[in-house]
């Protein structure tokens, strides 16, 4: 990655709509190539920052010991047990 100059993009001419709002710009091909390099470098930096953040989180050691699972007692209910429903469904 090469160091970019702090020169603004040189615009030759603006294209405007009926109300005079700028909607496009005409630049030389060399400026377009320079702009493309700046964008690619920026994308590389952002991707690197994202991976750097992910790597820190991926190897994070928990400070507290996780809580054990609670023992849940089944609630007696009315109707057909789920095991019977599964067996009947598989027989069809």
PDB file of N, CA and C in Angstrom:
ATOM      1  N   UNK A   1       0.839  -1.165   0.000  1.00  0.00           N
ATOM      2  CA  UNK A   1       0.000   0.000   0.000  1.00  0.00           C
ATOM      3  C   UNK A   1       0.893   1.240   0.000  1.00  0.00           C
ATOM      4  N   UNK A   2       0.655   2.098  -0.971  1.00  0.00           N
ATOM      5  CA  UNK A   2       1.473   3.297  -1.052  1.00  0.00           C
ATOM      6  C   UNK A   2       0.805   4.452  -0.315  1.00  0.00           C
ATOM      7  N   UNK A   3       1.604   5.381   0.128  1.00  0.00           N
ATOM      8  CA  UNK A   3       1.070   6.534   0.838  1.00  0.00           C
ATOM      9  C   UNK A   3       0.382   7.457  -0.166  1.00  0.00           C
ATOM     10  N   UNK A   4      -0.859   7.834   0.168  1.00  0.00           N
ATOM     11  CA  UNK A   4      -1.633   8.688  -0.710  1.00  0.00           C
ATOM     12  C   UNK A   4      -1.330  10.156  -0.417  1.00  0.00           C
ATOM     13  N   UNK A   5      -1.348  10.952  -1.456  1.00  0.00           N
ATOM     14  CA  UNK A   5      -1.172  12.383  -1.302  1.00  0.00           C
ATOM     15  C   UNK A   5      -2.489  12.986  -0.825  1.00  0.00           C
ATOM     16  N   UNK A   6      -2.416  14.113  -0.161  1.00  0.00           N
ATOM     17  CA  UNK A   6      -3.617  14.788   0.322  1.00  0.00           C
ATOM     18  C   UNK A   6      -4.171  15.771  -0.713  1.00  0.00           C
ATOM     19  N   UNK A   7      -3.990  15.477  -1.978  1.00  0.00           N
ATOM     20  CA  UNK A   7      -4.487  16.352  -3.026  1.00  0.00           C
ATOM     21  C   UNK A   7      -5.947  16.013  -3.318  1.00  0.00           C
ATOM     22  N   UNK A   8      -6.800  17.019  -3.369  1.00  0.00           N
ATOM     23  CA  UNK A   8      -8.198  16.736  -3.711  1.00  0.00           C
ATOM     24  C   UNK A   8      -8.319  16.315  -5.173  1.00  0.00           C
ATOM     25  N   UNK A   9      -9.396  15.642  -5.488  1.00  0.00           N
ATOM     26  CA  UNK A   9      -9.648  15.215  -6.867  1.00  0.00           C
ATOM     27  C   UNK A   9      -9.867  16.458  -7.728  1.00  0.00           C
ATOM     28  N   UNK A  10      -9.176  16.497  -8.859  1.00  0.00           N
ATOM     29  CA  UNK A  10      -9.300  17.640  -9.770  1.00  0.00           C
ATOM     30  C   UNK A  10     -10.498  17.403 -10.692  1.00  0.00           C
ATOM     31  N   UNK A  11     -11.502  18.259 -10.558  1.00  0.00           N
ATOM     32  CA  UNK A  11     -12.720  18.134 -11.365  1.00  0.00           C
ATOM     33  C   UNK A  11     -12.655  19.146 -12.501  1.00  0.00           C
ATOM     34  N   UNK A  12     -12.816  18.632 -13.750  1.00  0.00           N
ATOM     35  CA  UNK A  12     -12.761  19.506 -14.922  1.00  0.00           C
ATOM     36  C   UNK A  12     -14.071  20.250 -15.128  1.00  0.00           C
ATOM     37  N   UNK A  13     -15.197  19.545 -14.903  1.00  0.00           N
ATOM     38  CA  UNK A  13     -16.485  20.157 -15.170  1.00  0.00           C
ATOM     39  C   UNK A  13     -17.565  19.411 -14.388  1.00  0.00           C
ATOM     40  N   UNK A  14     -18.579  20.144 -13.950  1.00  0.00           N
ATOM     41  CA  UNK A  14     -19.737  19.540 -13.295  1.00  0.00           C
ATOM     42  C   UNK A  14     -20.885  19.450 -14.282  1.00  0.00           C
ATOM     43  N   UNK A  15     -21.690  18.426 -14.108  1.00  0.00           N
ATOM     44  CA  UNK A  15     -22.929  18.297 -14.875  1.00  0.00           C
ATOM     45  C   UNK A  15     -24.055  18.569 -13.898  1.00  0.00           C
ATOM     46  N   UNK A  16     -24.983  19.437 -14.290  1.00  0.00           N
ATOM     47  CA  UNK A  16     -26.066  19.827 -13.392  1.00  0.00           C
ATOM     48  C   UNK A  16     -27.421  19.442 -13.981  1.00  0.00           C
ATOM     49  N   UNK A  17     -28.416  19.369 -13.100  1.00  0.00           N
ATOM     50  CA  UNK A  17     -29.778  19.117 -13.564  1.00  0.00           C
ATOM     51  C   UNK A  17     -30.450  20.446 -13.925  1.00  0.00           C
ATOM     52  N   UNK A  18     -31.752  20.418 -14.210  1.00  0.00           N
ATOM     53  CA  UNK A  18     -32.486  21.627 -14.623  1.00  0.00           C
ATOM     54  C   UNK A  18     -32.490  22.706 -13.551  1.00  0.00           C
ATOM     55  N   UNK A  19     -32.374  22.303 -12.272  1.00  0.00           N
ATOM     56  CA  UNK A  19     -32.418  23.264 -11.175  1.00  0.00           C
ATOM     57  C   UNK A  19     -31.025  23.772 -10.781  1.00  0.00           C
ATOM     58  N   UNK A  20     -29.997  23.281 -11.457  1.00  0.00           N
ATOM     59  CA  UNK A  20     -28.638  23.736 -11.162  1.00  0.00           C
ATOM     60  C   UNK A  20     -27.915  22.905 -10.105  1.00  0.00           C
ATOM     61  N   UNK A  21     -28.520  21.791  -9.660  1.00  0.00           N
ATOM     62  CA  UNK A  21     -27.873  20.920  -8.671  1.00  0.00           C
ATOM     63  C   UNK A  21     -26.831  20.043  -9.373  1.00  0.00           C
ATOM     64  N   UNK A  22     -25.664  19.920  -8.756  1.00  0.00           N
ATOM     65  CA  UNK A  22     -24.608  19.075  -9.324  1.00  0.00           C
ATOM     66  C   UNK A  22     -25.023  17.610  -9.211  1.00  0.00           C
ATOM     67  N   UNK A  23     -24.989  16.902 -10.350  1.00  0.00           N
ATOM     68  CA  UNK A  23     -25.374  15.482 -10.342  1.00  0.00           C
ATOM     69  C   UNK A  23     -24.239  14.571 -10.809  1.00  0.00           C
ATOM     70  N   UNK A  24     -23.205  15.150 -11.426  1.00  0.00           N
ATOM     71  CA  UNK A  24     -22.064  14.351 -11.886  1.00  0.00           C
ATOM     72  C   UNK A  24     -20.869  15.274 -12.065  1.00  0.00           C
ATOM     73  N   UNK A  25     -19.702  14.645 -12.230  1.00  0.00           N
ATOM     74  CA  UNK A  25     -18.482  15.418 -12.449  1.00  0.00           C
ATOM     75  C   UNK A  25     -17.643  14.743 -13.514  1.00  0.00           C
ATOM     76  N   UNK A  26     -16.957  15.546 -14.295  1.00  0.00           N
ATOM     77  CA  UNK A  26     -16.044  15.027 -15.310  1.00  0.00           C
ATOM     78  C   UNK A  26     -14.629  15.197 -14.765  1.00  0.00           C
ATOM     79  N   UNK A  27     -13.890  14.053 -14.703  1.00  0.00           N
ATOM     80  CA  UNK A  27     -12.503  14.081 -14.232  1.00  0.00           C
ATOM     81  C   UNK A  27     -11.632  13.371 -15.261  1.00  0.00           C
ATOM     82  N   UNK A  28     -10.347  13.641 -15.222  1.00  0.00           N
ATOM     83  CA  UNK A  28      -9.422  12.976 -16.146  1.00  0.00           C
ATOM     84  C   UNK A  28      -9.221  11.528 -15.710  1.00  0.00           C
ATOM     85  N   UNK A  29      -8.809  10.689 -16.627  1.00  0.00           N
ATOM     86  CA  UNK A  29      -8.646   9.257 -16.362  1.00  0.00           C
ATOM     87  C   UNK A  29      -7.597   9.006 -15.279  1.00  0.00           C
ATOM     88  N   UNK A  30      -6.562   9.826 -15.222  1.00  0.00           N
ATOM     89  CA  UNK A  30      -5.529   9.674 -14.187  1.00  0.00           C
ATOM     90  C   UNK A  30      -6.123   9.920 -12.800  1.00  0.00           C
ATOM     91  N   UNK A  31      -7.029  10.899 -12.707  1.00  0.00           N
ATOM     92  CA  UNK A  31      -7.703  11.171 -11.430  1.00  0.00           C
ATOM     93  C   UNK A  31      -8.591   9.985 -11.049  1.00  0.00           C
ATOM     94  N   UNK A  32      -9.234   9.388 -12.033  1.00  0.00           N
ATOM     95  CA  UNK A  32     -10.086   8.221 -11.782  1.00  0.00           C
ATOM     96  C   UNK A  32      -9.252   7.054 -11.247  1.00  0.00           C
ATOM     97  N   UNK A  33      -8.087   6.832 -11.837  1.00  0.00           N
ATOM     98  CA  UNK A  33      -7.200   5.758 -11.358  1.00  0.00           C
ATOM     99  C   UNK A  33      -6.730   6.038  -9.935  1.00  0.00           C
ATOM    100  N   UNK A  34      -6.402   7.292  -9.642  1.00  0.00           N
ATOM    101  CA  UNK A  34      -5.961   7.662  -8.291  1.00  0.00           C
ATOM    102  C   UNK A  34      -7.099   7.461  -7.289  1.00  0.00           C
ATOM    103  N   UNK A  35      -8.301   7.844  -7.668  1.00  0.00           N
ATOM    104  CA  UNK A  35      -9.468   7.668  -6.808  1.00  0.00           C
ATOM    105  C   UNK A  35      -9.728   6.184  -6.538  1.00  0.00           C
ATOM    106  N   UNK A  36      -9.569   5.359  -7.568  1.00  0.00           N
ATOM    107  CA  UNK A  36      -9.745   3.911  -7.412  1.00  0.00           C
ATOM    108  C   UNK A  36      -8.742   3.356  -6.400  1.00  0.00           C
ATOM    109  N   UNK A  37      -7.482   3.786  -6.473  1.00  0.00           N
ATOM    110  CA  UNK A  37      -6.451   3.333  -5.521  1.00  0.00           C
ATOM    111  C   UNK A  37      -6.775   3.758  -4.097  1.00  0.00           C
ATOM    112  N   UNK A  38      -7.271   4.988  -3.941  1.00  0.00           N
ATOM    113  CA  UNK A  38      -7.639   5.484  -2.613  1.00  0.00           C
ATOM    114  C   UNK A  38      -8.756   4.634  -2.025  1.00  0.00           C
ATOM    115  N   UNK A  39      -9.755   4.322  -2.846  1.00  0.00           N
ATOM    116  CA  UNK A  39     -10.880   3.499  -2.376  1.00  0.00           C
ATOM    117  C   UNK A  39     -10.410   2.098  -2.009  1.00  0.00           C
ATOM    118  N   UNK A  40      -9.555   1.498  -2.834  1.00  0.00           N
ATOM    119  CA  UNK A  40      -9.041   0.154  -2.543  1.00  0.00           C
ATOM    120  C   UNK A  40      -8.243   0.147  -1.233  1.00  0.00           C
ATOM    121  N   UNK A  41      -7.407   1.151  -1.026  1.00  0.00           N
ATOM    122  CA  UNK A  41      -6.628   1.243   0.210  1.00  0.00           C
ATOM    123  C   UNK A  41      -7.552   1.388   1.416  1.00  0.00           C
ATOM    124  N   UNK A  42      -8.571   2.221   1.277  1.00  0.00           N
ATOM    125  CA  UNK A  42      -9.533   2.415   2.361  1.00  0.00           C
ATOM    126  C   UNK A  42     -10.249   1.098   2.692  1.00  0.00           C
ATOM    127  N   UNK A  43     -10.655   0.354   1.667  1.00  0.00           N
ATOM    128  CA  UNK A  43     -11.327  -0.937   1.887  1.00  0.00           C
ATOM    129  C   UNK A  43     -10.396  -1.927   2.588  1.00  0.00           C
ATOM    130  N   UNK A  44      -9.122  -1.934   2.193  1.00  0.00           N
ATOM    131  CA  UNK A  44      -8.146  -2.816   2.844  1.00  0.00           C
ATOM    132  C   UNK A  44      -7.995  -2.460   4.323  1.00  0.00           C
ATOM    133  N   UNK A  45      -7.928  -1.176   4.624  1.00  0.00           N
ATOM    134  CA  UNK A  45      -7.792  -0.736   6.016  1.00  0.00           C
ATOM    135  C   UNK A  45      -9.007  -1.157   6.823  1.00  0.00           C
ATOM    136  N   UNK A  46     -10.192  -0.945   6.275  1.00  0.00           N
ATOM    137  CA  UNK A  46     -11.422  -1.295   6.993  1.00  0.00           C
ATOM    138  C   UNK A  46     -11.516  -2.811   7.206  1.00  0.00           C
ATOM    139  N   UNK A  47     -11.114  -3.598   6.215  1.00  0.00           N
ATOM    140  CA  UNK A  47     -11.133  -5.052   6.363  1.00  0.00           C
ATOM    141  C   UNK A  47     -10.151  -5.494   7.433  1.00  0.00           C
ATOM    142  N   UNK A  48      -8.976  -4.867   7.465  1.00  0.00           N
ATOM    143  CA  UNK A  48      -7.974  -5.203   8.476  1.00  0.00           C
ATOM    144  C   UNK A  48      -8.487  -4.872   9.872  1.00  0.00           C
ATOM    145  N   UNK A  49      -9.111  -3.706  10.024  1.00  0.00           N
ATOM    146  CA  UNK A  49      -9.652  -3.322  11.331  1.00  0.00           C
ATOM    147  C   UNK A  49     -10.731  -4.289  11.772  1.00  0.00           C
ATOM    148  N   UNK A  50     -11.565  -4.746  10.839  1.00  0.00           N
ATOM    149  CA  UNK A  50     -12.612  -5.704  11.165  1.00  0.00           C
ATOM    150  C   UNK A  50     -12.041  -7.036  11.620  1.00  0.00           C
ATOM    151  N   UNK A  51     -11.008  -7.531  10.932  1.00  0.00           N
ATOM    152  CA  UNK A  51     -10.387  -8.807  11.309  1.00  0.00           C
ATOM    153  C   UNK A  51      -9.659  -8.677  12.638  1.00  0.00           C
ATOM    154  N   UNK A  52      -9.054  -7.530  12.883  1.00  0.00           N
ATOM    155  CA  UNK A  52      -8.346  -7.301  14.140  1.00  0.00           C
ATOM    156  C   UNK A  52      -9.331  -7.374  15.306  1.00  0.00           C
ATOM    157  N   UNK A  53     -10.499  -6.780  15.129  1.00  0.00           N
ATOM    158  CA  UNK A  53     -11.519  -6.786  16.173  1.00  0.00           C
ATOM    159  C   UNK A  53     -12.049  -8.207  16.387  1.00  0.00           C
ATOM    160  N   UNK A  54     -12.298  -8.947  15.281  1.00  0.00           N
ATOM    161  CA  UNK A  54     -12.801 -10.313  15.383  1.00  0.00           C
ATOM    162  C   UNK A  54     -11.815 -11.209  16.118  1.00  0.00           C
ATOM    163  N   UNK A  55     -10.522 -11.078  15.821  1.00  0.00           N
ATOM    164  CA  UNK A  55      -9.532 -11.958  16.425  1.00  0.00           C
ATOM    165  C   UNK A  55      -9.462 -11.750  17.937  1.00  0.00           C
ATOM    166  N   UNK A  56      -9.638 -10.510  18.397  1.00  0.00           N
ATOM    167  CA  UNK A  56      -9.626 -10.251  19.835  1.00  0.00           C
ATOM    168  C   UNK A  56     -10.816 -10.925  20.513  1.00  0.00           C
ATOM    169  N   UNK A  57     -11.978 -10.850  19.882  1.00  0.00           N
ATOM    170  CA  UNK A  57     -13.183 -11.421  20.472  1.00  0.00           C
ATOM    171  C   UNK A  57     -13.178 -12.946  20.402  1.00  0.00           C
ATOM    172  N   UNK A  58     -12.565 -13.516  19.387  1.00  0.00           N
ATOM    173  CA  UNK A  58     -12.577 -14.960  19.212  1.00  0.00           C
ATOM    174  C   UNK A  58     -11.805 -15.681  20.312  1.00  0.00           C
ATOM    175  N   UNK A  59     -10.775 -15.052  20.850  1.00  0.00           N
ATOM    176  CA  UNK A  59      -9.945 -15.707  21.857  1.00  0.00           C
ATOM    177  C   UNK A  59     -10.139 -15.118  23.250  1.00  0.00           C
ATOM    178  N   UNK A  60     -11.275 -14.500  23.458  1.00  0.00           N
ATOM    179  CA  UNK A  60     -11.557 -13.895  24.746  1.00  0.00           C
ATOM    180  C   UNK A  60     -11.854 -14.989  25.776  1.00  0.00           C
ATOM    181  N   UNK A  61     -11.185 -14.936  26.903  1.00  0.00           N
ATOM    182  CA  UNK A  61     -11.386 -15.916  27.970  1.00  0.00           C
ATOM    183  C   UNK A  61     -12.442 -15.371  28.922  1.00  0.00           C
ATOM    184  N   UNK A  62     -13.484 -16.165  29.192  1.00  0.00           N
ATOM    185  CA  UNK A  62     -14.534 -15.676  30.089  1.00  0.00           C
ATOM    186  C   UNK A  62     -13.991 -15.414  31.490  1.00  0.00           C
ATOM    187  N   UNK A  63     -14.429 -14.311  32.074  1.00  0.00           N
ATOM    188  CA  UNK A  63     -13.971 -13.936  33.406  1.00  0.00           C
ATOM    189  C   UNK A  63     -14.682 -14.773  34.462  1.00  0.00           C
ATOM    190  N   UNK A  64     -15.989 -14.925  34.304  1.00  0.00           N
ATOM    191  CA  UNK A  64     -16.770 -15.680  35.264  1.00  0.00           C
ATOM    192  C   UNK A  64     -17.038 -17.086  34.748  1.00  0.00           C
ATOM    193  N   UNK A  65     -17.159 -18.012  35.672  1.00  0.00           N
ATOM    194  CA  UNK A  65     -17.493 -19.377  35.318  1.00  0.00           C
ATOM    195  C   UNK A  65     -18.971 -19.413  34.921  1.00  0.00           C
ATOM    196  N   UNK A  66     -19.293 -20.081  33.796  1.00  0.00           N
ATOM    197  CA  UNK A  66     -20.688 -20.110  33.384  1.00  0.00           C
ATOM    198  C   UNK A  66     -21.553 -20.842  34.411  1.00  0.00           C
ATOM    199  N   UNK A  67     -22.800 -20.401  34.518  1.00  0.00           N
ATOM    200  CA  UNK A  67     -23.717 -21.027  35.460  1.00  0.00           C
ATOM    201  C   UNK A  67     -24.117 -22.407  34.965  1.00  0.00           C
ATOM    202  N   UNK A  68     -24.356 -23.311  35.907  1.00  0.00           N
ATOM    203  CA  UNK A  68     -24.788 -24.663  35.555  1.00  0.00           C
ATOM    204  C   UNK A  68     -26.247 -24.615  35.108  1.00  0.00           C
ATOM    205  N   UNK A  69     -26.640 -25.634  34.360  1.00  0.00           N
ATOM    206  CA  UNK A  69     -28.027 -25.715  33.925  1.00  0.00           C
ATOM    207  C   UNK A  69     -28.938 -26.010  35.116  1.00  0.00           C
ATOM    208  N   UNK A  70     -30.126 -25.420  35.091  1.00  0.00           N
ATOM    209  CA  UNK A  70     -31.103 -25.715  36.133  1.00  0.00           C
ATOM    210  C   UNK A  70     -31.773 -27.040  35.831  1.00  0.00           C
ATOM    211  N   UNK A  71     -32.141 -27.746  36.880  1.00  0.00           N
ATOM    212  CA  UNK A  71     -32.909 -28.973  36.712  1.00  0.00           C
ATOM    213  C   UNK A  71     -34.378 -28.573  36.678  1.00  0.00           C
ATOM    214  N   UNK A  72     -35.045 -28.970  35.625  1.00  0.00           N
ATOM    215  CA  UNK A  72     -36.442 -28.621  35.454  1.00  0.00           C
ATOM    216  C   UNK A  72     -37.282 -29.878  35.593  1.00  0.00           C
ATOM    217  N   UNK A  73     -38.239 -29.828  36.488  1.00  0.00           N
ATOM    218  CA  UNK A  73     -39.133 -30.971  36.674  1.00  0.00           C
ATOM    219  C   UNK A  73     -40.273 -30.864  35.674  1.00  0.00           C
ATOM    220  N   UNK A  74     -40.688 -32.007  35.118  1.00  0.00           N
ATOM    221  CA  UNK A  74     -41.785 -31.962  34.154  1.00  0.00           C
ATOM    222  C   UNK A  74     -43.090 -31.538  34.837  1.00  0.00           C
ATOM    223  N   UNK A  75     -43.906 -30.837  34.117  1.00  0.00           N
ATOM    224  CA  UNK A  75     -45.199 -30.401  34.641  1.00  0.00           C
ATOM    225  C   UNK A  75     -46.251 -31.406  34.193  1.00  0.00           C
ATOM    226  N   UNK A  76     -46.964 -31.991  35.139  1.00  0.00           N
ATOM    227  CA  UNK A  76     -48.009 -32.933  34.729  1.00  0.00           C
ATOM    228  C   UNK A  76     -49.118 -32.175  34.004  1.00  0.00           C
ATOM    229  N   UNK A  77     -49.549 -32.723  32.922  1.00  0.00           N
ATOM    230  CA  UNK A  77     -50.573 -32.051  32.142  1.00  0.00           C
ATOM    231  C   UNK A  77     -51.614 -33.027  31.647  1.00  0.00           C
ATOM    232  N   UNK A  78     -52.562 -32.486  30.960  1.00  0.00           N
ATOM    233  CA  UNK A  78     -53.635 -33.293  30.399  1.00  0.00           C
ATOM    234  C   UNK A  78     -53.366 -33.463  28.919  1.00  0.00           C
ATOM    235  N   UNK A  79     -53.830 -34.538  28.380  1.00  0.00           N
ATOM    236  CA  UNK A  79     -53.670 -34.757  26.953  1.00  0.00           C
ATOM    237  C   UNK A  79     -52.754 -35.921  26.666  1.00  0.00           C
ATOM    238  N   UNK A  80     -52.352 -36.025  25.434  1.00  0.00           N
ATOM    239  CA  UNK A  80     -51.526 -37.137  24.962  1.00  0.00           C
ATOM    240  C   UNK A  80     -50.063 -36.770  25.150  1.00  0.00           C
ATOM    241  N   UNK A  81     -49.265 -37.677  25.751  1.00  0.00           N
ATOM    242  CA  UNK A  81     -47.833 -37.401  25.899  1.00  0.00           C
ATOM    243  C   UNK A  81     -47.161 -37.222  24.532  1.00  0.00           C
ATOM    244  N   UNK A  82     -46.139 -36.404  24.493  1.00  0.00           N
ATOM    245  CA  UNK A  82     -45.437 -36.126  23.245  1.00  0.00           C
ATOM    246  C   UNK A  82     -44.858 -37.394  22.633  1.00  0.00           C
ATOM    247  N   UNK A  83     -44.381 -38.322  23.480  1.00  0.00           N
ATOM    248  CA  UNK A  83     -43.802 -39.563  22.952  1.00  0.00           C
ATOM    249  C   UNK A  83     -44.840 -40.356  22.168  1.00  0.00           C
ATOM    250  N   UNK A  84     -46.089 -40.377  22.645  1.00  0.00           N
ATOM    251  CA  UNK A  84     -47.146 -41.093  21.919  1.00  0.00           C
ATOM    252  C   UNK A  84     -47.438 -40.420  20.590  1.00  0.00           C
ATOM    253  N   UNK A  85     -47.449 -39.097  20.576  1.00  0.00           N
ATOM    254  CA  UNK A  85     -47.715 -38.372  19.342  1.00  0.00           C
ATOM    255  C   UNK A  85     -46.638 -38.670  18.292  1.00  0.00           C
ATOM    256  N   UNK A  86     -45.369 -38.742  18.734  1.00  0.00           N
ATOM    257  CA  UNK A  86     -44.278 -39.036  17.814  1.00  0.00           C
ATOM    258  C   UNK A  86     -44.395 -40.437  17.239  1.00  0.00           C
ATOM    259  N   UNK A  87     -44.744 -41.386  18.080  1.00  0.00           N
ATOM    260  CA  UNK A  87     -44.874 -42.773  17.615  1.00  0.00           C
ATOM    261  C   UNK A  87     -46.016 -42.862  16.613  1.00  0.00           C
ATOM    262  N   UNK A  88     -47.173 -42.256  16.898  1.00  0.00           N
ATOM    263  CA  UNK A  88     -48.295 -42.300  15.978  1.00  0.00           C
ATOM    264  C   UNK A  88     -47.941 -41.621  14.653  1.00  0.00           C
ATOM    265  N   UNK A  89     -47.214 -40.523  14.714  1.00  0.00           N
ATOM    266  CA  UNK A  89     -46.851 -39.801  13.501  1.00  0.00           C
ATOM    267  C   UNK A  89     -45.912 -40.620  12.634  1.00  0.00           C
ATOM    268  N   UNK A  90     -45.002 -41.365  13.215  1.00  0.00           N
ATOM    269  CA  UNK A  90     -44.051 -42.168  12.449  1.00  0.00           C
ATOM    270  C   UNK A  90     -44.710 -43.386  11.836  1.00  0.00           C
ATOM    271  N   UNK A  91     -45.776 -43.873  12.404  1.00  0.00           N
ATOM    272  CA  UNK A  91     -46.460 -45.047  11.874  1.00  0.00           C
ATOM    273  C   UNK A  91     -47.255 -44.722  10.624  1.00  0.00           C
ATOM    274  N   UNK A  92     -47.546 -43.469  10.365  1.00  0.00           N
ATOM    275  CA  UNK A  92     -48.349 -43.097   9.193  1.00  0.00           C
ATOM    276  C   UNK A  92     -47.600 -43.222   7.929  1.00  0.00           C
TER     277      UNK A  92
END
